[in-house]
Amino acid sequence: MKELDTSGYSCPEPVIMTKKALKDSPEGLDVTVDNRASKENVTRYTTALGYSVRTEEGKGCWILHIAR
């Protein structure tokens, strides 16, 4: 599965980066975010598109496993 690291970016940039990455990998991807707002916004955006999101908490970040 494709991986996307959005650490260091604040919203809306992680959502925009996720949108672009999903065009290349429409079946899903793993997105790393480092702030709660990005976690919530990327999750909200992708679930609105019909994806399921499983969140894994790491050290100072979250990995969002986004899949169809």
N, C-alpha and C. Protein backbone atom coordinates (compact mmCIF):
# COMPACT_ATOMS: atom_id res chain seq x y z
N MET A 1 0.85 -1.18 0.00
CA MET A 1 0.00 0.00 0.00
C MET A 1 0.89 1.24 0.00
N LYS A 2 0.47 2.23 -0.72
CA LYS A 2 1.22 3.48 -0.82
C LYS A 2 1.21 4.20 0.53
N GLU A 3 2.31 4.90 0.83
CA GLU A 3 2.43 5.64 2.07
C GLU A 3 2.61 7.12 1.76
N LEU A 4 1.99 7.95 2.62
CA LEU A 4 2.08 9.40 2.47
C LEU A 4 2.37 9.98 3.85
N ASP A 5 3.46 10.75 3.97
CA ASP A 5 3.82 11.37 5.23
C ASP A 5 3.52 12.86 5.15
N THR A 6 2.55 13.31 5.94
CA THR A 6 2.18 14.73 5.94
C THR A 6 2.68 15.43 7.20
N SER A 7 3.59 14.80 7.91
CA SER A 7 4.14 15.41 9.13
C SER A 7 4.76 16.77 8.81
N GLY A 8 4.50 17.71 9.69
CA GLY A 8 5.04 19.05 9.51
C GLY A 8 4.12 19.99 8.74
N TYR A 9 3.06 19.46 8.18
CA TYR A 9 2.09 20.29 7.45
C TYR A 9 0.85 20.50 8.30
N SER A 10 0.28 21.69 8.20
CA SER A 10 -0.96 21.96 8.92
C SER A 10 -2.10 22.01 7.91
N CYS A 11 -3.31 21.84 8.40
CA CYS A 11 -4.48 21.82 7.52
C CYS A 11 -4.65 23.16 6.84
N PRO A 12 -5.08 23.11 5.61
CA PRO A 12 -5.68 21.99 4.89
C PRO A 12 -4.69 21.16 4.07
N GLU A 13 -3.40 21.44 4.15
CA GLU A 13 -2.42 20.77 3.29
C GLU A 13 -2.48 19.23 3.35
N PRO A 14 -2.58 18.60 4.54
CA PRO A 14 -2.67 17.13 4.56
C PRO A 14 -3.88 16.58 3.81
N VAL A 15 -4.99 17.29 3.86
CA VAL A 15 -6.19 16.85 3.13
C VAL A 15 -5.94 16.97 1.62
N ILE A 16 -5.33 18.05 1.19
CA ILE A 16 -5.04 18.25 -0.23
C ILE A 16 -4.04 17.19 -0.71
N MET A 17 -3.03 16.91 0.09
CA MET A 17 -2.03 15.89 -0.27
C MET A 17 -2.69 14.51 -0.36
N THR A 18 -3.61 14.22 0.57
CA THR A 18 -4.32 12.94 0.56
C THR A 18 -5.19 12.83 -0.68
N LYS A 19 -5.88 13.91 -1.01
CA LYS A 19 -6.74 13.91 -2.20
C LYS A 19 -5.93 13.58 -3.45
N LYS A 20 -4.76 14.21 -3.60
CA LYS A 20 -3.90 13.96 -4.75
C LYS A 20 -3.38 12.52 -4.75
N ALA A 21 -2.98 12.02 -3.60
CA ALA A 21 -2.44 10.66 -3.50
C ALA A 21 -3.50 9.61 -3.83
N LEU A 22 -4.74 9.86 -3.46
CA LEU A 22 -5.81 8.90 -3.74
C LEU A 22 -6.12 8.81 -5.24
N LYS A 23 -5.78 9.84 -6.00
CA LYS A 23 -5.95 9.77 -7.45
C LYS A 23 -5.01 8.72 -8.04
N ASP A 24 -3.80 8.61 -7.47
CA ASP A 24 -2.81 7.63 -7.94
C ASP A 24 -3.02 6.26 -7.32
N SER A 25 -3.64 6.23 -6.16
CA SER A 25 -3.83 4.98 -5.43
C SER A 25 -5.27 4.91 -4.92
N PRO A 26 -6.25 4.74 -5.82
CA PRO A 26 -7.67 4.83 -5.42
C PRO A 26 -8.15 3.73 -4.49
N GLU A 27 -7.40 2.65 -4.36
CA GLU A 27 -7.81 1.59 -3.45
C GLU A 27 -7.44 1.89 -2.00
N GLY A 28 -6.59 2.88 -1.78
CA GLY A 28 -6.25 3.27 -0.42
C GLY A 28 -4.78 3.57 -0.23
N LEU A 29 -4.46 4.06 0.95
CA LEU A 29 -3.09 4.38 1.31
C LEU A 29 -2.97 4.57 2.80
N ASP A 30 -1.74 4.63 3.27
CA ASP A 30 -1.45 4.92 4.68
C ASP A 30 -0.95 6.35 4.76
N VAL A 31 -1.61 7.16 5.58
CA VAL A 31 -1.25 8.56 5.72
C VAL A 31 -0.77 8.80 7.15
N THR A 32 0.42 9.37 7.29
CA THR A 32 0.96 9.73 8.60
C THR A 32 0.69 11.22 8.83
N VAL A 33 0.08 11.53 9.98
CA VAL A 33 -0.18 12.91 10.37
C VAL A 33 0.40 13.13 11.77
N ASP A 34 0.74 14.38 12.07
CA ASP A 34 1.36 14.64 13.38
C ASP A 34 0.59 15.62 14.24
N ASN A 35 -0.65 15.90 13.85
CA ASN A 35 -1.48 16.76 14.71
C ASN A 35 -2.94 16.30 14.63
N ARG A 36 -3.63 16.56 15.72
CA ARG A 36 -5.01 16.07 15.86
C ARG A 36 -5.95 16.65 14.80
N ALA A 37 -5.79 17.92 14.45
CA ALA A 37 -6.67 18.53 13.45
C ALA A 37 -6.53 17.83 12.11
N SER A 38 -5.31 17.52 11.71
CA SER A 38 -5.09 16.81 10.45
C SER A 38 -5.69 15.41 10.51
N LYS A 39 -5.53 14.74 11.64
CA LYS A 39 -6.10 13.39 11.80
C LYS A 39 -7.61 13.43 11.60
N GLU A 40 -8.25 14.38 12.24
CA GLU A 40 -9.71 14.49 12.15
C GLU A 40 -10.16 14.91 10.75
N ASN A 41 -9.47 15.85 10.15
CA ASN A 41 -9.88 16.35 8.83
C ASN A 41 -9.65 15.33 7.72
N VAL A 42 -8.51 14.63 7.75
CA VAL A 42 -8.26 13.61 6.73
C VAL A 42 -9.25 12.46 6.90
N THR A 43 -9.52 12.09 8.15
CA THR A 43 -10.49 11.02 8.41
C THR A 43 -11.87 11.42 7.91
N ARG A 44 -12.29 12.62 8.21
CA ARG A 44 -13.61 13.11 7.78
C ARG A 44 -13.70 13.15 6.26
N TYR A 45 -12.67 13.65 5.62
CA TYR A 45 -12.67 13.75 4.15
C TYR A 45 -12.76 12.36 3.51
N THR A 46 -11.93 11.43 3.96
CA THR A 46 -11.89 10.12 3.30
C THR A 46 -13.13 9.29 3.60
N THR A 47 -13.70 9.40 4.79
CA THR A 47 -14.93 8.65 5.07
C THR A 47 -16.09 9.21 4.25
N ALA A 48 -16.07 10.51 3.98
CA ALA A 48 -17.11 11.11 3.13
C ALA A 48 -17.02 10.57 1.71
N LEU A 49 -15.84 10.13 1.30
CA LEU A 49 -15.66 9.54 -0.03
C LEU A 49 -15.97 8.05 -0.06
N GLY A 50 -16.31 7.48 1.09
CA GLY A 50 -16.65 6.06 1.15
C GLY A 50 -15.53 5.14 1.58
N TYR A 51 -14.42 5.68 2.02
CA TYR A 51 -13.31 4.86 2.50
C TYR A 51 -13.52 4.51 3.97
N SER A 52 -12.92 3.41 4.39
CA SER A 52 -12.87 3.10 5.82
C SER A 52 -11.50 3.55 6.31
N VAL A 53 -11.44 4.00 7.55
CA VAL A 53 -10.19 4.50 8.12
C VAL A 53 -9.93 3.80 9.45
N ARG A 54 -8.76 3.20 9.57
CA ARG A 54 -8.32 2.59 10.82
C ARG A 54 -7.13 3.42 11.29
N THR A 55 -7.19 3.89 12.54
CA THR A 55 -6.16 4.77 13.07
C THR A 55 -5.23 4.00 14.00
N GLU A 56 -3.94 4.17 13.77
CA GLU A 56 -2.91 3.57 14.60
C GLU A 56 -2.09 4.71 15.21
N GLU A 57 -1.98 4.71 16.54
CA GLU A 57 -1.24 5.79 17.19
C GLU A 57 0.22 5.40 17.31
N GLY A 58 1.08 6.30 16.87
CA GLY A 58 2.53 6.09 16.97
C GLY A 58 3.11 7.08 17.95
N LYS A 59 4.42 7.18 17.94
CA LYS A 59 5.09 8.11 18.84
C LYS A 59 5.06 9.51 18.23
N GLY A 60 4.15 10.34 18.73
CA GLY A 60 4.02 11.70 18.24
C GLY A 60 3.31 11.83 16.91
N CYS A 61 2.65 10.75 16.47
CA CYS A 61 1.93 10.81 15.20
C CYS A 61 0.82 9.78 15.17
N TRP A 62 0.04 9.84 14.13
CA TRP A 62 -1.00 8.84 13.87
C TRP A 62 -0.81 8.34 12.45
N ILE A 63 -1.05 7.07 12.24
CA ILE A 63 -1.05 6.49 10.90
C ILE A 63 -2.49 6.14 10.58
N LEU A 64 -2.99 6.72 9.51
CA LEU A 64 -4.36 6.48 9.08
C LEU A 64 -4.32 5.48 7.93
N HIS A 65 -4.86 4.29 8.18
CA HIS A 65 -4.92 3.25 7.17
C HIS A 65 -6.26 3.42 6.44
N ILE A 66 -6.19 3.93 5.23
CA ILE A 66 -7.37 4.28 4.45
C ILE A 66 -7.56 3.22 3.37
N ALA A 67 -8.75 2.61 3.32
CA ALA A 67 -8.99 1.55 2.35
C ALA A 67 -10.43 1.57 1.88
N ARG A 68 -10.65 0.99 0.69
CA ARG A 68 -12.01 0.84 0.15
C ARG A 68 -12.69 -0.30 0.83
